[in-house]
């Protein structure tokens, strides 16, 4: 099983820190809401995705795999 990114949108407050940490995976839409562009990123993105989870102020990001 590969890497899987799960964001609890009920917890997410759209701070956008994950966007800075892993812009290939996360972005904010035109309304400022978080969008997960790549739910199953390549293993090469693991470090960036883990950083994104770590910097989330509300710990809304979970990494599986």
C-alpha atoms as a PDB file:
ATOM      1  CA  UNK A   1       0.000   0.000   0.000  1.00  0.00           C
ATOM      2  CA  UNK A   2       1.255   3.449  -0.877  1.00  0.00           C
ATOM      3  CA  UNK A   3       0.980   6.773   0.835  1.00  0.00           C
ATOM      4  CA  UNK A   4      -2.475   8.188   1.533  1.00  0.00           C
ATOM      5  CA  UNK A   5      -3.328  11.688   2.767  1.00  0.00           C
ATOM      6  CA  UNK A   6      -6.494  12.158   4.797  1.00  0.00           C
ATOM      7  CA  UNK A   7      -7.722  15.590   5.867  1.00  0.00           C
ATOM      8  CA  UNK A   8     -10.519  15.855   8.410  1.00  0.00           C
ATOM      9  CA  UNK A   9     -12.425  18.730   6.835  1.00  0.00           C
ATOM     10  CA  UNK A  10     -14.506  19.080  10.005  1.00  0.00           C
ATOM     11  CA  UNK A  11     -11.299  19.984  11.849  1.00  0.00           C
ATOM     12  CA  UNK A  12      -9.480  21.871   9.063  1.00  0.00           C
ATOM     13  CA  UNK A  13      -9.632  25.647   9.432  1.00  0.00           C
ATOM     14  CA  UNK A  14      -7.966  26.462   6.103  1.00  0.00           C
ATOM     15  CA  UNK A  15      -4.835  27.989   7.628  1.00  0.00           C
ATOM     16  CA  UNK A  16      -2.931  26.886   4.534  1.00  0.00           C
ATOM     17  CA  UNK A  17       0.301  25.922   6.260  1.00  0.00           C
ATOM     18  CA  UNK A  18       0.169  22.569   4.461  1.00  0.00           C
ATOM     19  CA  UNK A  19       0.060  24.401   1.139  1.00  0.00           C
ATOM     20  CA  UNK A  20       3.428  25.994   1.900  1.00  0.00           C
ATOM     21  CA  UNK A  21       4.893  22.670   3.075  1.00  0.00           C
ATOM     22  CA  UNK A  22       3.592  20.536   0.182  1.00  0.00           C
ATOM     23  CA  UNK A  23       2.265  22.694  -2.669  1.00  0.00           C
ATOM     24  CA  UNK A  24       2.227  19.679  -4.999  1.00  0.00           C
ATOM     25  CA  UNK A  25      -0.389  18.028  -2.768  1.00  0.00           C
ATOM     26  CA  UNK A  26      -2.439  20.831  -1.202  1.00  0.00           C
ATOM     27  CA  UNK A  27      -3.907  24.110  -2.434  1.00  0.00           C
ATOM     28  CA  UNK A  28      -6.458  26.678  -1.373  1.00  0.00           C
ATOM     29  CA  UNK A  29      -9.321  27.224  -3.795  1.00  0.00           C
ATOM     30  CA  UNK A  30     -10.727  30.588  -4.857  1.00  0.00           C
ATOM     31  CA  UNK A  31     -12.818  30.673  -1.677  1.00  0.00           C
ATOM     32  CA  UNK A  32      -9.815  29.990   0.545  1.00  0.00           C
ATOM     33  CA  UNK A  33     -10.894  26.419   1.282  1.00  0.00           C
ATOM     34  CA  UNK A  34      -8.353  23.613   1.374  1.00  0.00           C
ATOM     35  CA  UNK A  35      -8.248  21.194  -1.540  1.00  0.00           C
ATOM     36  CA  UNK A  36      -6.248  17.962  -1.514  1.00  0.00           C
ATOM     37  CA  UNK A  37      -5.061  17.663  -5.097  1.00  0.00           C
ATOM     38  CA  UNK A  38      -3.188  14.370  -4.672  1.00  0.00           C
ATOM     39  CA  UNK A  39      -4.752  11.974  -2.164  1.00  0.00           C
ATOM     40  CA  UNK A  40      -2.190   9.257  -2.883  1.00  0.00           C
ATOM     41  CA  UNK A  41       1.108  11.059  -3.464  1.00  0.00           C
ATOM     42  CA  UNK A  42       4.237   9.343  -4.676  1.00  0.00           C
ATOM     43  CA  UNK A  43       6.656   8.075  -2.028  1.00  0.00           C
ATOM     44  CA  UNK A  44       9.055  10.841  -3.094  1.00  0.00           C
ATOM     45  CA  UNK A  45       6.634  13.355  -1.568  1.00  0.00           C
ATOM     46  CA  UNK A  46       6.525  11.636   1.838  1.00  0.00           C
ATOM     47  CA  UNK A  47       8.799  14.155   3.557  1.00  0.00           C
ATOM     48  CA  UNK A  48       6.814  17.161   2.319  1.00  0.00           C
ATOM     49  CA  UNK A  49       3.492  15.553   3.259  1.00  0.00           C
ATOM     50  CA  UNK A  50       4.782  14.659   6.728  1.00  0.00           C
ATOM     51  CA  UNK A  51       5.961  18.259   7.139  1.00  0.00           C
ATOM     52  CA  UNK A  52       2.513  19.454   6.093  1.00  0.00           C
ATOM     53  CA  UNK A  53       0.866  17.254   8.720  1.00  0.00           C
ATOM     54  CA  UNK A  54       3.331  18.484  11.344  1.00  0.00           C
ATOM     55  CA  UNK A  55       2.742  22.189  10.653  1.00  0.00           C
ATOM     56  CA  UNK A  56      -1.063  21.942  10.645  1.00  0.00           C
ATOM     57  CA  UNK A  57      -2.161  24.108  13.616  1.00  0.00           C
ATOM     58  CA  UNK A  58      -5.237  21.951  14.238  1.00  0.00           C
ATOM     59  CA  UNK A  59      -3.669  18.567  13.312  1.00  0.00           C
ATOM     60  CA  UNK A  60      -6.315  17.871  10.683  1.00  0.00           C
ATOM     61  CA  UNK A  61      -3.969  15.897   8.399  1.00  0.00           C
ATOM     62  CA  UNK A  62      -3.361  12.182   8.793  1.00  0.00           C
ATOM     63  CA  UNK A  63      -0.913  10.164   6.725  1.00  0.00           C
ATOM     64  CA  UNK A  64      -1.545   6.478   6.145  1.00  0.00           C
ATOM     65  CA  UNK A  65       0.960   4.068   4.707  1.00  0.00           C
END
